[in-house]
C-alpha atoms as a PDB file:
ATOM      1  CA  MET A   1     -12.477 144.664 365.446  1.00  0.00           C
ATOM      2  CA  LEU A   2     -16.112 144.867 366.496  1.00  0.00           C
ATOM      3  CA  LYS A   3     -18.535 142.136 365.606  1.00  0.00           C
ATOM      4  CA  VAL A   4     -22.302 142.497 365.290  1.00  0.00           C
ATOM      5  CA  GLU A   5     -24.592 139.508 365.738  1.00  0.00           C
ATOM      6  CA  HIS A   6     -28.343 139.358 366.025  1.00  0.00           C
ATOM      7  CA  ILE A   7     -31.355 137.149 366.479  1.00  0.00           C
ATOM      8  CA  VAL A   8     -34.948 137.810 365.413  1.00  0.00           C
ATOM      9  CA  THR A   9     -37.249 137.714 368.470  1.00  0.00           C
ATOM     10  CA  GLY A  10     -40.952 137.731 369.159  1.00  0.00           C
ATOM     11  CA  PRO A  11     -44.117 137.804 367.073  1.00  0.00           C
ATOM     12  CA  VAL A  12     -43.285 141.057 365.333  1.00  0.00           C
ATOM     13  CA  GLU A  13     -39.774 139.791 364.375  1.00  0.00           C
ATOM     14  CA  GLU A  14     -37.677 142.375 366.176  1.00  0.00           C
ATOM     15  CA  ASN A  15     -33.906 142.352 365.804  1.00  0.00           C
ATOM     16  CA  THR A  16     -31.961 141.989 369.042  1.00  0.00           C
ATOM     17  CA  TYR A  17     -28.266 142.807 368.552  1.00  0.00           C
ATOM     18  CA  VAL A  18     -25.050 142.137 370.419  1.00  0.00           C
ATOM     19  CA  VAL A  19     -21.972 144.196 369.615  1.00  0.00           C
ATOM     20  CA  HIS A  20     -18.670 142.849 370.997  1.00  0.00           C
ATOM     21  CA  ASP A  21     -14.878 142.840 370.599  1.00  0.00           C
ATOM     22  CA  GLY A  22     -14.379 139.354 371.947  1.00  0.00           C
ATOM     23  CA  LYS A  23     -13.998 140.631 375.467  1.00  0.00           C
ATOM     24  CA  SER A  24     -16.810 143.112 376.215  1.00  0.00           C
ATOM     25  CA  LEU A  25     -20.348 143.063 374.821  1.00  0.00           C
ATOM     26  CA  PHE A  26     -23.351 145.355 374.521  1.00  0.00           C
ATOM     27  CA  VAL A  27     -26.867 144.078 374.194  1.00  0.00           C
ATOM     28  CA  ILE A  28     -29.044 146.384 372.053  1.00  0.00           C
ATOM     29  CA  ASP A  29     -32.842 146.207 372.206  1.00  0.00           C
ATOM     30  CA  PRO A  30     -33.494 142.871 373.977  1.00  0.00           C
ATOM     31  CA  GLY A  31     -36.941 142.338 372.490  1.00  0.00           C
ATOM     32  CA  SER A  32     -38.109 138.987 373.915  1.00  0.00           C
ATOM     33  CA  GLU A  33     -37.047 135.339 374.285  1.00  0.00           C
ATOM     34  CA  PRO A  34     -34.287 135.959 376.884  1.00  0.00           C
ATOM     35  CA  GLU A  35     -33.013 132.365 376.723  1.00  0.00           C
ATOM     36  CA  ARG A  36     -32.164 132.775 373.050  1.00  0.00           C
ATOM     37  CA  ILE A  37     -30.457 136.096 373.705  1.00  0.00           C
ATOM     38  CA  GLU A  38     -28.449 134.419 376.479  1.00  0.00           C
ATOM     39  CA  ALA A  39     -27.418 131.630 374.098  1.00  0.00           C
ATOM     40  CA  MET A  40     -26.250 134.181 371.540  1.00  0.00           C
ATOM     41  CA  ILE A  41     -24.196 135.976 374.217  1.00  0.00           C
ATOM     42  CA  ALA A  42     -22.661 132.703 375.417  1.00  0.00           C
ATOM     43  CA  GLN A  43     -21.470 131.878 371.899  1.00  0.00           C
ATOM     44  CA  THR A  44     -19.466 135.057 371.676  1.00  0.00           C
ATOM     45  CA  GLY A  45     -17.386 134.355 374.754  1.00  0.00           C
ATOM     46  CA  ALA A  46     -17.579 138.062 375.632  1.00  0.00           C
ATOM     47  CA  LYS A  47     -18.794 139.576 378.908  1.00  0.00           C
ATOM     48  CA  PRO A  48     -21.957 141.714 378.803  1.00  0.00           C
ATOM     49  CA  VAL A  49     -21.338 145.200 380.170  1.00  0.00           C
ATOM     50  CA  ALA A  50     -24.423 147.222 379.220  1.00  0.00           C
ATOM     51  CA  ILE A  51     -27.821 147.230 377.572  1.00  0.00           C
ATOM     52  CA  LEU A  52     -28.458 150.053 375.082  1.00  0.00           C
ATOM     53  CA  LEU A  53     -32.008 150.917 373.928  1.00  0.00           C
ATOM     54  CA  THR A  54     -32.704 152.668 370.648  1.00  0.00           C
ATOM     55  CA  HIS A  55     -36.226 153.291 371.866  1.00  0.00           C
ATOM     56  CA  THR A  56     -38.744 151.744 374.259  1.00  0.00           C
ATOM     57  CA  HIS A  57     -41.588 150.244 372.218  1.00  0.00           C
ATOM     58  CA  TYR A  58     -42.672 146.965 373.710  1.00  0.00           C
ATOM     59  CA  ASP A  59     -41.145 144.764 371.007  1.00  0.00           C
ATOM     60  CA  HIS A  60     -37.695 146.137 371.915  1.00  0.00           C
ATOM     61  CA  ILE A  61     -37.913 145.763 375.730  1.00  0.00           C
ATOM     62  CA  GLY A  62     -39.719 142.480 376.438  1.00  0.00           C
ATOM     63  CA  ALA A  63     -36.536 140.749 377.672  1.00  0.00           C
ATOM     64  CA  LEU A  64     -34.949 143.828 379.222  1.00  0.00           C
ATOM     65  CA  ASP A  65     -35.366 142.969 382.920  1.00  0.00           C
ATOM     66  CA  ALA A  66     -34.477 139.361 382.387  1.00  0.00           C
ATOM     67  CA  ILE A  67     -31.211 140.179 380.675  1.00  0.00           C
ATOM     68  CA  ARG A  68     -30.223 143.008 383.067  1.00  0.00           C
ATOM     69  CA  ASP A  69     -30.855 140.731 386.080  1.00  0.00           C
ATOM     70  CA  LYS A  70     -29.054 137.741 384.544  1.00  0.00           C
ATOM     71  CA  TYR A  71     -25.812 139.686 383.972  1.00  0.00           C
ATOM     72  CA  GLN A  72     -26.251 142.502 386.553  1.00  0.00           C
ATOM     73  CA  ILE A  73     -25.588 145.205 383.948  1.00  0.00           C
ATOM     74  CA  PRO A  74     -26.870 148.755 383.567  1.00  0.00           C
ATOM     75  CA  VAL A  75     -29.472 149.965 381.056  1.00  0.00           C
ATOM     76  CA  TYR A  76     -29.094 153.145 378.979  1.00  0.00           C
ATOM     77  CA  VAL A  77     -32.096 154.896 377.464  1.00  0.00           C
ATOM     78  CA  SER A  78     -33.107 158.297 376.092  1.00  0.00           C
ATOM     79  CA  PRO A  79     -34.382 160.614 378.821  1.00  0.00           C
ATOM     80  CA  GLU A  80     -37.503 161.217 376.732  1.00  0.00           C
ATOM     81  CA  GLU A  81     -38.580 157.566 377.014  1.00  0.00           C
ATOM     82  CA  ASN A  82     -37.369 156.331 380.418  1.00  0.00           C
ATOM     83  CA  GLU A  83     -40.906 156.687 381.782  1.00  0.00           C
ATOM     84  CA  TRP A  84     -42.234 154.631 378.864  1.00  0.00           C
ATOM     85  CA  LEU A  85     -40.561 151.501 380.150  1.00  0.00           C
ATOM     86  CA  GLY A  86     -43.243 151.217 382.814  1.00  0.00           C
ATOM     87  CA  ASN A  87     -46.105 152.707 380.818  1.00  0.00           C
ATOM     88  CA  PRO A  88     -47.940 150.295 378.495  1.00  0.00           C
ATOM     89  CA  GLU A  89     -49.879 153.090 376.818  1.00  0.00           C
ATOM     90  CA  HIS A  90     -46.673 154.848 375.804  1.00  0.00           C
ATOM     91  CA  ASN A  91     -44.627 151.751 374.933  1.00  0.00           C
ATOM     92  CA  GLY A  92     -47.495 150.392 372.868  1.00  0.00           C
ATOM     93  CA  SER A  93     -48.046 147.134 374.756  1.00  0.00           C
ATOM     94  CA  VAL A  94     -51.539 148.181 375.823  1.00  0.00           C
ATOM     95  CA  MET A  95     -52.630 147.012 372.379  1.00  0.00           C
ATOM     96  CA  LEU A  96     -51.583 143.418 373.209  1.00  0.00           C
ATOM     97  CA  LYS A  97     -54.629 143.002 375.416  1.00  0.00           C
ATOM     98  CA  GLN A  98     -56.852 142.561 372.381  1.00  0.00           C
ATOM     99  CA  HIS A  99     -54.719 139.534 371.406  1.00  0.00           C
ATOM    100  CA  GLY A 100     -54.873 138.016 374.882  1.00  0.00           C
ATOM    101  CA  PHE A 101     -51.373 139.010 375.966  1.00  0.00           C
ATOM    102  CA  PRO A 102     -50.465 141.000 379.119  1.00  0.00           C
ATOM    103  CA  PRO A 103     -48.865 144.436 378.748  1.00  0.00           C
ATOM    104  CA  ILE A 104     -45.081 144.655 378.843  1.00  0.00           C
ATOM    105  CA  THR A 105     -43.210 146.783 381.329  1.00  0.00           C
ATOM    106  CA  ALA A 106     -39.677 147.132 382.666  1.00  0.00           C
ATOM    107  CA  ARG A 107     -37.985 148.953 385.498  1.00  0.00           C
ATOM    108  CA  PRO A 108     -36.499 152.386 384.859  1.00  0.00           C
ATOM    109  CA  ALA A 109     -33.088 152.582 383.205  1.00  0.00           C
ATOM    110  CA  ASP A 110     -29.855 153.095 385.196  1.00  0.00           C
ATOM    111  CA  PHE A 111     -28.474 155.842 382.923  1.00  0.00           C
ATOM    112  CA  LEU A 112     -30.011 158.421 380.632  1.00  0.00           C
ATOM    113  CA  LEU A 113     -28.302 158.705 377.271  1.00  0.00           C
ATOM    114  CA  GLU A 114     -26.580 161.903 376.281  1.00  0.00           C
ATOM    115  CA  LEU A 115     -25.976 162.930 372.646  1.00  0.00           C
ATOM    116  CA  LYS A 116     -22.230 162.391 372.762  1.00  0.00           C
ATOM    117  CA  THR A 117     -19.518 159.798 372.158  1.00  0.00           C
ATOM    118  CA  TYR A 118     -19.205 157.128 374.824  1.00  0.00           C
ATOM    119  CA  GLU A 119     -16.372 154.755 375.539  1.00  0.00           C
ATOM    120  CA  LEU A 120     -17.438 151.788 377.646  1.00  0.00           C
ATOM    121  CA  ASN A 121     -14.937 149.046 378.326  1.00  0.00           C
ATOM    122  CA  GLY A 122     -12.840 150.191 375.375  1.00  0.00           C
ATOM    123  CA  ILE A 123     -15.694 150.237 372.875  1.00  0.00           C
ATOM    124  CA  ARG A 124     -16.542 153.631 371.364  1.00  0.00           C
ATOM    125  CA  PHE A 125     -19.869 154.711 369.935  1.00  0.00           C
ATOM    126  CA  LYS A 126     -21.725 157.926 369.324  1.00  0.00           C
ATOM    127  CA  VAL A 127     -25.348 158.539 370.289  1.00  0.00           C
ATOM    128  CA  VAL A 128     -27.373 160.643 367.862  1.00  0.00           C
ATOM    129  CA  ALA A 129     -31.034 161.663 368.099  1.00  0.00           C
ATOM    130  CA  THR A 130     -33.229 160.139 365.386  1.00  0.00           C
ATOM    131  CA  PRO A 131     -36.784 160.946 366.555  1.00  0.00           C
ATOM    132  CA  GLY A 132     -39.866 160.563 364.442  1.00  0.00           C
ATOM    133  CA  HIS A 133     -40.820 156.919 364.970  1.00  0.00           C
ATOM    134  CA  SER A 134     -40.904 157.920 368.643  1.00  0.00           C
ATOM    135  CA  ILE A 135     -39.783 161.100 370.378  1.00  0.00           C
ATOM    136  CA  GLY A 136     -36.794 159.510 372.155  1.00  0.00           C
ATOM    137  CA  SER A 137     -35.479 157.316 369.369  1.00  0.00           C
ATOM    138  CA  VAL A 138     -31.671 157.317 369.079  1.00  0.00           C
ATOM    139  CA  SER A 139     -29.130 155.609 366.844  1.00  0.00           C
ATOM    140  CA  PHE A 140     -25.785 154.213 367.929  1.00  0.00           C
ATOM    141  CA  ILE A 141     -22.956 155.020 365.500  1.00  0.00           C
ATOM    142  CA  PHE A 142     -19.922 152.732 365.612  1.00  0.00           C
ATOM    143  CA  ASP A 143     -16.853 152.908 363.364  1.00  0.00           C
ATOM    144  CA  ASP A 144     -18.325 151.410 360.155  1.00  0.00           C
ATOM    145  CA  PHE A 145     -21.881 150.568 361.130  1.00  0.00           C
ATOM    146  CA  ALA A 146     -24.937 152.073 362.784  1.00  0.00           C
ATOM    147  CA  ILE A 147     -27.720 150.447 364.821  1.00  0.00           C
ATOM    148  CA  VAL A 148     -30.748 152.620 364.122  1.00  0.00           C
ATOM    149  CA  GLY A 149     -33.794 151.005 365.760  1.00  0.00           C
ATOM    150  CA  ASP A 150     -36.956 151.685 363.832  1.00  0.00           C
ATOM    151  CA  ALA A 151     -35.846 154.930 362.196  1.00  0.00           C
ATOM    152  CA  LEU A 152     -34.633 153.559 358.886  1.00  0.00           C
ATOM    153  CA  PHE A 153     -35.247 150.210 357.161  1.00  0.00           C
ATOM    154  CA  LYS A 154     -34.102 148.715 353.868  1.00  0.00           C
ATOM    155  CA  GLY A 155     -36.408 150.396 351.419  1.00  0.00           C
ATOM    156  CA  SER A 156     -38.586 152.012 354.048  1.00  0.00           C
ATOM    157  CA  ILE A 157     -38.738 154.068 357.262  1.00  0.00           C
ATOM    158  CA  GLY A 158     -40.300 153.527 360.665  1.00  0.00           C
ATOM    159  CA  ARG A 159     -44.009 153.991 361.129  1.00  0.00           C
ATOM    160  CA  THR A 160     -45.087 157.360 362.486  1.00  0.00           C
ATOM    161  CA  ASP A 161     -48.644 156.662 363.559  1.00  0.00           C
ATOM    162  CA  LEU A 162     -47.787 155.651 367.147  1.00  0.00           C
ATOM    163  CA  TYR A 163     -47.563 157.858 370.279  1.00  0.00           C
ATOM    164  CA  THR A 164     -45.288 160.944 369.520  1.00  0.00           C
ATOM    165  CA  GLY A 165     -44.673 159.718 365.990  1.00  0.00           C
ATOM    166  CA  ASP A 166     -43.958 162.508 363.457  1.00  0.00           C
ATOM    167  CA  TYR A 167     -43.333 161.827 359.759  1.00  0.00           C
ATOM    168  CA  ASP A 168     -41.595 165.153 358.979  1.00  0.00           C
ATOM    169  CA  MET A 169     -39.400 164.826 362.048  1.00  0.00           C
ATOM    170  CA  LEU A 170     -38.358 161.294 361.045  1.00  0.00           C
ATOM    171  CA  ILE A 171     -37.409 162.313 357.497  1.00  0.00           C
ATOM    172  CA  GLU A 172     -35.365 165.235 358.884  1.00  0.00           C
ATOM    173  CA  SER A 173     -33.683 162.989 361.458  1.00  0.00           C
ATOM    174  CA  ILE A 174     -32.591 160.433 358.871  1.00  0.00           C
ATOM    175  CA  THR A 175     -31.370 163.107 356.508  1.00  0.00           C
ATOM    176  CA  ARG A 176     -29.445 164.957 359.224  1.00  0.00           C
ATOM    177  CA  GLU A 177     -27.943 162.129 361.283  1.00  0.00           C
ATOM    178  CA  LEU A 178     -27.833 159.033 359.075  1.00  0.00           C
ATOM    179  CA  PHE A 179     -27.495 160.163 355.467  1.00  0.00           C
ATOM    180  CA  THR A 180     -24.463 162.275 356.473  1.00  0.00           C
ATOM    181  CA  LEU A 181     -22.566 159.056 357.441  1.00  0.00           C
ATOM    182  CA  PRO A 182     -20.101 157.513 354.969  1.00  0.00           C
ATOM    183  CA  ASP A 183     -21.882 155.741 352.086  1.00  0.00           C
ATOM    184  CA  ASP A 184     -20.468 152.352 352.987  1.00  0.00           C
ATOM    185  CA  THR A 185     -21.759 152.496 356.572  1.00  0.00           C
ATOM    186  CA  VAL A 186     -23.775 149.336 357.258  1.00  0.00           C
ATOM    187  CA  VAL A 187     -27.197 150.037 358.761  1.00  0.00           C
ATOM    188  CA  TYR A 188     -28.657 147.531 361.191  1.00  0.00           C
ATOM    189  CA  PRO A 189     -32.410 148.197 361.701  1.00  0.00           C
ATOM    190  CA  GLY A 190     -34.846 147.065 364.336  1.00  0.00           C
ATOM    191  CA  HIS A 191     -36.642 144.801 361.857  1.00  0.00           C
ATOM    192  CA  ARG A 192     -35.696 143.069 358.610  1.00  0.00           C
ATOM    193  CA  GLU A 193     -32.313 142.875 356.965  1.00  0.00           C
ATOM    194  CA  ALA A 194     -29.308 145.155 357.050  1.00  0.00           C
ATOM    195  CA  THR A 195     -28.623 147.724 354.371  1.00  0.00           C
ATOM    196  CA  THR A 196     -26.122 150.534 353.696  1.00  0.00           C
ATOM    197  CA  ILE A 197     -26.377 154.297 353.732  1.00  0.00           C
ATOM    198  CA  LYS A 198     -25.616 154.477 350.003  1.00  0.00           C
ATOM    199  CA  HIS A 199     -28.283 151.918 349.138  1.00  0.00           C
ATOM    200  CA  GLU A 200     -30.944 153.866 351.029  1.00  0.00           C
ATOM    201  CA  LYS A 201     -29.887 157.254 349.644  1.00  0.00           C
ATOM    202  CA  ASP A 202     -30.067 155.870 346.146  1.00  0.00           C
ATOM    203  CA  THR A 203     -33.151 153.650 346.273  1.00  0.00           C
ATOM    204  CA  ASN A 204     -35.328 154.336 349.336  1.00  0.00           C
ATOM    205  CA  PRO A 205     -38.692 155.526 347.982  1.00  0.00           C
ATOM    206  CA  TYR A 206     -39.161 157.984 350.853  1.00  0.00           C
ATOM    207  CA  PHE A 207     -36.123 159.921 349.627  1.00  0.00           C
ATOM    208  CA  ASN A 208     -36.368 159.457 345.858  1.00  0.00           C
END
């Protein structure tokens, strides 16, 4: 039985998730505040085996190198955005300068995600492409829940005014890859609270 836990990190309140079965654990989108992420991991009693990135905007990668170095684990990212990890203009952190903060970068990933089903340390998940918020955005589909980054939110969708954003592409991605999941699938987004596929199909104003 997989468990999902999260903390809200950083000034833009990004959701950092851990998914674990009590033995092995994935970190998904380590946004910032690595000490708090480490404390969440420690409470699970599970061993970190990989970091998965839904996309590479700065608010999702601020603690990436700290966590990968602490646990000596590989990072998986979409091939479309591996270069973004070290590029503040593409990952959006160049805009932090105006607020007096340095840009955010990370080293390249260890593995480039393929659109397929993975099994890592006995945990299965499917990678599907959900571009539109950014060109390399992906969602991770587990048995009865999905971690979708900034594609879909409760009552909303990801913004499409950033580099490579595309509104029509995002609507099509959500319709094709997420709204075809079972209605009771729990959706864990990159910001704000969880929802379900049925709730969004029935009430999300972008689709109704």
